Amino acid sequence: MGPALTAPAVIGEDRSTGSLLKPRWALDIISELRKVTWPSRRETANLTGVVIIVSLALGVLLGGADLFFGWLIQNTLLR
């Protein structure tokens, strides 16, 4: 057999900026947050309202199902 060929393992790039005050990862986060399209105040309020209404509706639905099945068990299985 010939000689074994090995290459040094590359774990990751050195992405540090050399500055202790602003590490590269912090600059990356700031850069990505600037690219985000943030919702307007009106969109946020509308979507919050939708979440509250859907949560209440599901709560009422699950509460009603719980009451019904509790009543059903009390009047059929436990009699």
PDB file of N, CA and C in Angstrom:
ATOM      1  N   MET A   1       0.845  -1.181   0.000  1.00  0.00           N
ATOM      2  CA  MET A   1       0.000   0.000   0.000  1.00  0.00           C
ATOM      3  C   MET A   1       0.882   1.233   0.000  1.00  0.00           C
ATOM      4  N   GLY A   2       0.307   2.307  -0.503  1.00  0.00           N
ATOM      5  CA  GLY A   2       1.045   3.562  -0.537  1.00  0.00           C
ATOM      6  C   GLY A   2       0.913   4.297   0.782  1.00  0.00           C
ATOM      7  N   PRO A   3       1.546   5.427   0.859  1.00  0.00           N
ATOM      8  CA  PRO A   3       1.465   6.207   2.094  1.00  0.00           C
ATOM      9  C   PRO A   3       0.047   6.737   2.309  1.00  0.00           C
ATOM     10  N   ALA A   4      -0.337   6.803   3.555  1.00  0.00           N
ATOM     11  CA  ALA A   4      -1.679   7.301   3.897  1.00  0.00           C
ATOM     12  C   ALA A   4      -1.714   8.807   3.686  1.00  0.00           C
ATOM     13  N   LEU A   5      -2.718   9.249   2.983  1.00  0.00           N
ATOM     14  CA  LEU A   5      -2.877  10.677   2.744  1.00  0.00           C
ATOM     15  C   LEU A   5      -3.910  11.229   3.706  1.00  0.00           C
ATOM     16  N   THR A   6      -3.516  12.180   4.479  1.00  0.00           N
ATOM     17  CA  THR A   6      -4.450  12.804   5.409  1.00  0.00           C
ATOM     18  C   THR A   6      -4.393  14.305   5.217  1.00  0.00           C
ATOM     19  N   ALA A   7      -5.515  14.915   5.446  1.00  0.00           N
ATOM     20  CA  ALA A   7      -5.591  16.375   5.374  1.00  0.00           C
ATOM     21  C   ALA A   7      -6.016  16.886   6.737  1.00  0.00           C
ATOM     22  N   PRO A   8      -5.574  18.051   7.091  1.00  0.00           N
ATOM     23  CA  PRO A   8      -6.011  18.593   8.381  1.00  0.00           C
ATOM     24  C   PRO A   8      -7.514  18.825   8.377  1.00  0.00           C
ATOM     25  N   ALA A   9      -8.135  18.507   9.481  1.00  0.00           N
ATOM     26  CA  ALA A   9      -9.586  18.682   9.597  1.00  0.00           C
ATOM     27  C   ALA A   9      -9.904  20.165   9.698  1.00  0.00           C
ATOM     28  N   VAL A  10     -10.871  20.584   8.900  1.00  0.00           N
ATOM     29  CA  VAL A  10     -11.323  21.974   8.952  1.00  0.00           C
ATOM     30  C   VAL A  10     -12.632  21.984   9.706  1.00  0.00           C
ATOM     31  N   ILE A  11     -12.616  22.527  10.887  1.00  0.00           N
ATOM     32  CA  ILE A  11     -13.809  22.540  11.727  1.00  0.00           C
ATOM     33  C   ILE A  11     -14.722  23.687  11.345  1.00  0.00           C
ATOM     34  N   GLY A  12     -14.177  24.825  11.119  1.00  0.00           N
ATOM     35  CA  GLY A  12     -14.989  25.984  10.749  1.00  0.00           C
ATOM     36  C   GLY A  12     -14.085  27.158  10.453  1.00  0.00           C
ATOM     37  N   GLU A  13     -14.660  28.143   9.844  1.00  0.00           N
ATOM     38  CA  GLU A  13     -13.884  29.334   9.534  1.00  0.00           C
ATOM     39  C   GLU A  13     -13.672  30.161  10.790  1.00  0.00           C
ATOM     40  N   ASP A  14     -12.593  30.892  10.791  1.00  0.00           N
ATOM     41  CA  ASP A  14     -12.380  31.855  11.865  1.00  0.00           C
ATOM     42  C   ASP A  14     -13.115  33.119  11.467  1.00  0.00           C
ATOM     43  N   ARG A  15     -14.244  33.358  12.096  1.00  0.00           N
ATOM     44  CA  ARG A  15     -15.082  34.492  11.713  1.00  0.00           C
ATOM     45  C   ARG A  15     -14.987  35.627  12.711  1.00  0.00           C
ATOM     46  N   SER A  16     -13.994  35.600  13.555  1.00  0.00           N
ATOM     47  CA  SER A  16     -13.879  36.658  14.548  1.00  0.00           C
ATOM     48  C   SER A  16     -13.330  37.915  13.892  1.00  0.00           C
ATOM     49  N   THR A  17     -13.737  39.046  14.414  1.00  0.00           N
ATOM     50  CA  THR A  17     -13.273  40.318  13.866  1.00  0.00           C
ATOM     51  C   THR A  17     -12.027  40.796  14.575  1.00  0.00           C
ATOM     52  N   GLY A  18     -11.674  40.151  15.647  1.00  0.00           N
ATOM     53  CA  GLY A  18     -10.520  40.584  16.398  1.00  0.00           C
ATOM     54  C   GLY A  18     -10.874  41.619  17.450  1.00  0.00           C
ATOM     55  N   SER A  19     -12.106  42.075  17.445  1.00  0.00           N
ATOM     56  CA  SER A  19     -12.542  43.078  18.406  1.00  0.00           C
ATOM     57  C   SER A  19     -13.262  42.388  19.549  1.00  0.00           C
ATOM     58  N   LEU A  20     -12.911  42.763  20.751  1.00  0.00           N
ATOM     59  CA  LEU A  20     -13.581  42.173  21.903  1.00  0.00           C
ATOM     60  C   LEU A  20     -14.924  42.840  22.171  1.00  0.00           C
ATOM     61  N   LEU A  21     -15.126  44.062  21.665  1.00  0.00           N
ATOM     62  CA  LEU A  21     -16.364  44.780  21.940  1.00  0.00           C
ATOM     63  C   LEU A  21     -17.509  44.315  21.040  1.00  0.00           C
ATOM     64  N   LYS A  22     -17.226  43.989  19.782  1.00  0.00           N
ATOM     65  CA  LYS A  22     -18.265  43.538  18.859  1.00  0.00           C
ATOM     66  C   LYS A  22     -17.800  42.264  18.162  1.00  0.00           C
ATOM     67  N   PRO A  23     -18.117  41.115  18.741  1.00  0.00           N
ATOM     68  CA  PRO A  23     -17.746  39.865  18.078  1.00  0.00           C
ATOM     69  C   PRO A  23     -18.524  39.696  16.773  1.00  0.00           C
ATOM     70  N   ARG A  24     -18.003  38.891  15.893  1.00  0.00           N
ATOM     71  CA  ARG A  24     -18.588  38.714  14.556  1.00  0.00           C
ATOM     72  C   ARG A  24     -20.035  38.220  14.634  1.00  0.00           C
ATOM     73  N   TRP A  25     -20.317  37.311  15.571  1.00  0.00           N
ATOM     74  CA  TRP A  25     -21.681  36.777  15.651  1.00  0.00           C
ATOM     75  C   TRP A  25     -22.680  37.866  15.995  1.00  0.00           C
ATOM     76  N   ALA A  26     -22.287  38.839  16.801  1.00  0.00           N
ATOM     77  CA  ALA A  26     -23.195  39.935  17.147  1.00  0.00           C
ATOM     78  C   ALA A  26     -23.458  40.800  15.924  1.00  0.00           C
ATOM     79  N   LEU A  27     -22.430  41.041  15.130  1.00  0.00           N
ATOM     80  CA  LEU A  27     -22.614  41.815  13.900  1.00  0.00           C
ATOM     81  C   LEU A  27     -23.499  41.063  12.914  1.00  0.00           C
ATOM     82  N   ASP A  28     -23.360  39.730  12.862  1.00  0.00           N
ATOM     83  CA  ASP A  28     -24.214  38.918  11.991  1.00  0.00           C
ATOM     84  C   ASP A  28     -25.676  39.007  12.418  1.00  0.00           C
ATOM     85  N   ILE A  29     -25.918  38.980  13.715  1.00  0.00           N
ATOM     86  CA  ILE A  29     -27.290  39.082  14.220  1.00  0.00           C
ATOM     87  C   ILE A  29     -27.891  40.429  13.859  1.00  0.00           C
ATOM     88  N   ILE A  30     -27.141  41.487  14.067  1.00  0.00           N
ATOM     89  CA  ILE A  30     -27.635  42.826  13.737  1.00  0.00           C
ATOM     90  C   ILE A  30     -27.920  42.933  12.249  1.00  0.00           C
ATOM     91  N   SER A  31     -27.040  42.381  11.434  1.00  0.00           N
ATOM     92  CA  SER A  31     -27.237  42.412   9.984  1.00  0.00           C
ATOM     93  C   SER A  31     -28.509  41.672   9.584  1.00  0.00           C
ATOM     94  N   GLU A  32     -28.744  40.505  10.171  1.00  0.00           N
ATOM     95  CA  GLU A  32     -29.949  39.736   9.839  1.00  0.00           C
ATOM     96  C   GLU A  32     -31.213  40.438  10.316  1.00  0.00           C
ATOM     97  N   LEU A  33     -31.169  41.058  11.492  1.00  0.00           N
ATOM     98  CA  LEU A  33     -32.351  41.754  12.002  1.00  0.00           C
ATOM     99  C   LEU A  33     -32.710  42.960  11.150  1.00  0.00           C
ATOM    100  N   ARG A  34     -31.735  43.557  10.499  1.00  0.00           N
ATOM    101  CA  ARG A  34     -32.024  44.684   9.608  1.00  0.00           C
ATOM    102  C   ARG A  34     -32.716  44.234   8.334  1.00  0.00           C
ATOM    103  N   LYS A  35     -32.573  42.959   7.969  1.00  0.00           N
ATOM    104  CA  LYS A  35     -33.204  42.422   6.764  1.00  0.00           C
ATOM    105  C   LYS A  35     -34.662  42.028   6.990  1.00  0.00           C
ATOM    106  N   VAL A  36     -35.069  41.919   8.237  1.00  0.00           N
ATOM    107  CA  VAL A  36     -36.417  41.457   8.568  1.00  0.00           C
ATOM    108  C   VAL A  36     -37.442  42.520   8.192  1.00  0.00           C
ATOM    109  N   THR A  37     -38.544  42.081   7.594  1.00  0.00           N
ATOM    110  CA  THR A  37     -39.667  42.978   7.334  1.00  0.00           C
ATOM    111  C   THR A  37     -40.606  42.864   8.525  1.00  0.00           C
ATOM    112  N   TRP A  38     -40.592  43.862   9.373  1.00  0.00           N
ATOM    113  CA  TRP A  38     -41.379  43.836  10.591  1.00  0.00           C
ATOM    114  C   TRP A  38     -42.818  44.232  10.291  1.00  0.00           C
ATOM    115  N   PRO A  39     -43.802  43.621  10.955  1.00  0.00           N
ATOM    116  CA  PRO A  39     -45.203  44.001  10.733  1.00  0.00           C
ATOM    117  C   PRO A  39     -45.485  45.382  11.314  1.00  0.00           C
ATOM    118  N   SER A  40     -46.480  46.036  10.717  1.00  0.00           N
ATOM    119  CA  SER A  40     -46.872  47.348  11.232  1.00  0.00           C
ATOM    120  C   SER A  40     -47.637  47.162  12.545  1.00  0.00           C
ATOM    121  N   ARG A  41     -47.873  48.263  13.227  1.00  0.00           N
ATOM    122  CA  ARG A  41     -48.622  48.207  14.486  1.00  0.00           C
ATOM    123  C   ARG A  41     -50.029  47.668  14.232  1.00  0.00           C
ATOM    124  N   ARG A  42     -50.630  48.074  13.119  1.00  0.00           N
ATOM    125  CA  ARG A  42     -51.988  47.619  12.792  1.00  0.00           C
ATOM    126  C   ARG A  42     -52.011  46.113  12.509  1.00  0.00           C
ATOM    127  N   GLU A  43     -51.044  45.627  11.735  1.00  0.00           N
ATOM    128  CA  GLU A  43     -50.978  44.192  11.459  1.00  0.00           C
ATOM    129  C   GLU A  43     -50.775  43.395  12.748  1.00  0.00           C
ATOM    130  N   THR A  44     -49.928  43.901  13.618  1.00  0.00           N
ATOM    131  CA  THR A  44     -49.680  43.218  14.891  1.00  0.00           C
ATOM    132  C   THR A  44     -50.947  43.159  15.732  1.00  0.00           C
ATOM    133  N   ALA A  45     -51.680  44.267  15.787  1.00  0.00           N
ATOM    134  CA  ALA A  45     -52.928  44.301  16.559  1.00  0.00           C
ATOM    135  C   ALA A  45     -53.956  43.347  15.955  1.00  0.00           C
ATOM    136  N   ASN A  46     -54.079  43.333  14.623  1.00  0.00           N
ATOM    137  CA  ASN A  46     -55.040  42.438  13.969  1.00  0.00           C
ATOM    138  C   ASN A  46     -54.702  40.973  14.232  1.00  0.00           C
ATOM    139  N   LEU A  47     -53.438  40.619  14.082  1.00  0.00           N
ATOM    140  CA  LEU A  47     -53.052  39.226  14.295  1.00  0.00           C
ATOM    141  C   LEU A  47     -53.170  38.819  15.761  1.00  0.00           C
ATOM    142  N   THR A  48     -52.921  39.750  16.664  1.00  0.00           N
ATOM    143  CA  THR A  48     -53.114  39.466  18.090  1.00  0.00           C
ATOM    144  C   THR A  48     -54.582  39.190  18.371  1.00  0.00           C
ATOM    145  N   GLY A  49     -55.465  39.984  17.763  1.00  0.00           N
ATOM    146  CA  GLY A  49     -56.904  39.757  17.915  1.00  0.00           C
ATOM    147  C   GLY A  49     -57.321  38.398  17.386  1.00  0.00           C
ATOM    148  N   VAL A  50     -56.768  38.008  16.244  1.00  0.00           N
ATOM    149  CA  VAL A  50     -57.087  36.694  15.671  1.00  0.00           C
ATOM    150  C   VAL A  50     -56.646  35.584  16.620  1.00  0.00           C
ATOM    151  N   VAL A  51     -55.457  35.705  17.171  1.00  0.00           N
ATOM    152  CA  VAL A  51     -54.950  34.682  18.096  1.00  0.00           C
ATOM    153  C   VAL A  51     -55.838  34.585  19.331  1.00  0.00           C
ATOM    154  N   ILE A  52     -56.258  35.724  19.875  1.00  0.00           N
ATOM    155  CA  ILE A  52     -57.114  35.716  21.065  1.00  0.00           C
ATOM    156  C   ILE A  52     -58.464  35.089  20.752  1.00  0.00           C
ATOM    157  N   ILE A  53     -59.065  35.451  19.617  1.00  0.00           N
ATOM    158  CA  ILE A  53     -60.379  34.907  19.249  1.00  0.00           C
ATOM    159  C   ILE A  53     -60.297  33.404  19.009  1.00  0.00           C
ATOM    160  N   VAL A  54     -59.284  32.957  18.283  1.00  0.00           N
ATOM    161  CA  VAL A  54     -59.142  31.519  18.020  1.00  0.00           C
ATOM    162  C   VAL A  54     -58.887  30.765  19.326  1.00  0.00           C
ATOM    163  N   SER A  55     -58.079  31.336  20.212  1.00  0.00           N
ATOM    164  CA  SER A  55     -57.811  30.683  21.499  1.00  0.00           C
ATOM    165  C   SER A  55     -59.079  30.563  22.333  1.00  0.00           C
ATOM    166  N   LEU A  56     -59.872  31.626  22.372  1.00  0.00           N
ATOM    167  CA  LEU A  56     -61.135  31.576  23.115  1.00  0.00           C
ATOM    168  C   LEU A  56     -62.094  30.562  22.504  1.00  0.00           C
ATOM    169  N   ALA A  57     -62.191  30.544  21.175  1.00  0.00           N
ATOM    170  CA  ALA A  57     -63.091  29.601  20.509  1.00  0.00           C
ATOM    171  C   ALA A  57     -62.673  28.159  20.798  1.00  0.00           C
ATOM    172  N   LEU A  58     -61.393  27.881  20.712  1.00  0.00           N
ATOM    173  CA  LEU A  58     -60.931  26.524  21.007  1.00  0.00           C
ATOM    174  C   LEU A  58     -61.122  26.172  22.477  1.00  0.00           C
ATOM    175  N   GLY A  59     -60.938  27.151  23.359  1.00  0.00           N
ATOM    176  CA  GLY A  59     -61.177  26.910  24.783  1.00  0.00           C
ATOM    177  C   GLY A  59     -62.624  26.556  25.054  1.00  0.00           C
ATOM    178  N   VAL A  60     -63.544  27.296  24.421  1.00  0.00           N
ATOM    179  CA  VAL A  60     -64.975  27.006  24.589  1.00  0.00           C
ATOM    180  C   VAL A  60     -65.303  25.641  24.001  1.00  0.00           C
ATOM    181  N   LEU A  61     -64.753  25.339  22.828  1.00  0.00           N
ATOM    182  CA  LEU A  61     -65.009  24.051  22.182  1.00  0.00           C
ATOM    183  C   LEU A  61     -64.497  22.893  23.044  1.00  0.00           C
ATOM    184  N   LEU A  62     -63.277  23.003  23.520  1.00  0.00           N
ATOM    185  CA  LEU A  62     -62.725  21.929  24.353  1.00  0.00           C
ATOM    186  C   LEU A  62     -63.435  21.836  25.699  1.00  0.00           C
ATOM    187  N   GLY A  63     -63.804  22.982  26.274  1.00  0.00           N
ATOM    188  CA  GLY A  63     -64.561  22.967  27.527  1.00  0.00           C
ATOM    189  C   GLY A  63     -65.917  22.312  27.347  1.00  0.00           C
ATOM    190  N   GLY A  64     -66.583  22.623  26.233  1.00  0.00           N
ATOM    191  CA  GLY A  64     -67.876  21.995  25.942  1.00  0.00           C
ATOM    192  C   GLY A  64     -67.739  20.498  25.737  1.00  0.00           C
ATOM    193  N   ALA A  65     -66.701  20.084  25.020  1.00  0.00           N
ATOM    194  CA  ALA A  65     -66.474  18.652  24.815  1.00  0.00           C
ATOM    195  C   ALA A  65     -66.189  17.963  26.145  1.00  0.00           C
ATOM    196  N   ASP A  66     -65.436  18.613  27.011  1.00  0.00           N
ATOM    197  CA  ASP A  66     -65.133  18.051  28.327  1.00  0.00           C
ATOM    198  C   ASP A  66     -66.408  17.895  29.153  1.00  0.00           C
ATOM    199  N   LEU A  67     -67.247  18.924  29.150  1.00  0.00           N
ATOM    200  CA  LEU A  67     -68.511  18.836  29.893  1.00  0.00           C
ATOM    201  C   LEU A  67     -69.405  17.732  29.340  1.00  0.00           C
ATOM    202  N   PHE A  68     -69.486  17.652  28.010  1.00  0.00           N
ATOM    203  CA  PHE A  68     -70.336  16.638  27.386  1.00  0.00           C
ATOM    204  C   PHE A  68     -69.855  15.232  27.725  1.00  0.00           C
ATOM    205  N   PHE A  69     -68.568  14.981  27.547  1.00  0.00           N
ATOM    206  CA  PHE A  69     -68.063  13.639  27.812  1.00  0.00           C
ATOM    207  C   PHE A  69     -68.088  13.314  29.301  1.00  0.00           C
ATOM    208  N   GLY A  70     -67.907  14.305  30.152  1.00  0.00           N
ATOM    209  CA  GLY A  70     -68.052  14.081  31.593  1.00  0.00           C
ATOM    210  C   GLY A  70     -69.475  13.699  31.944  1.00  0.00           C
ATOM    211  N   TRP A  71     -70.441  14.420  31.361  1.00  0.00           N
ATOM    212  CA  TRP A  71     -71.857  14.103  31.581  1.00  0.00           C
ATOM    213  C   TRP A  71     -72.172  12.711  31.044  1.00  0.00           C
ATOM    214  N   LEU A  72     -71.657  12.394  29.852  1.00  0.00           N
ATOM    215  CA  LEU A  72     -71.910  11.101  29.226  1.00  0.00           C
ATOM    216  C   LEU A  72     -71.381   9.960  30.100  1.00  0.00           C
ATOM    217  N   ILE A  73     -70.210  10.106  30.619  1.00  0.00           N
ATOM    218  CA  ILE A  73     -69.631   9.062  31.473  1.00  0.00           C
ATOM    219  C   ILE A  73     -70.409   8.941  32.778  1.00  0.00           C
ATOM    220  N   GLN A  74     -70.786  10.066  33.375  1.00  0.00           N
ATOM    221  CA  GLN A  74     -71.553  10.041  34.624  1.00  0.00           C
ATOM    222  C   GLN A  74     -72.901   9.346  34.431  1.00  0.00           C
ATOM    223  N   ASN A  75     -73.539   9.572  33.301  1.00  0.00           N
ATOM    224  CA  ASN A  75     -74.890   9.045  33.088  1.00  0.00           C
ATOM    225  C   ASN A  75     -74.927   7.680  32.422  1.00  0.00           C
ATOM    226  N   THR A  76     -73.816   7.166  31.954  1.00  0.00           N
ATOM    227  CA  THR A  76     -73.848   5.846  31.316  1.00  0.00           C
ATOM    228  C   THR A  76     -72.972   4.842  32.061  1.00  0.00           C
ATOM    229  N   LEU A  77     -71.728   5.136  32.218  1.00  0.00           N
ATOM    230  CA  LEU A  77     -70.806   4.152  32.792  1.00  0.00           C
ATOM    231  C   LEU A  77     -70.867   4.086  34.310  1.00  0.00           C
ATOM    232  N   LEU A  78     -71.155   5.182  34.966  1.00  0.00           N
ATOM    233  CA  LEU A  78     -71.096   5.208  36.423  1.00  0.00           C
ATOM    234  C   LEU A  78     -72.462   5.052  37.078  1.00  0.00           C
ATOM    235  N   ARG A  79     -73.469   4.675  36.337  1.00  0.00           N
ATOM    236  CA  ARG A  79     -74.801   4.467  36.913  1.00  0.00           C
ATOM    237  C   ARG A  79     -74.976   3.079  37.412  1.00  0.00           C
TER     238      ARG A  79
END
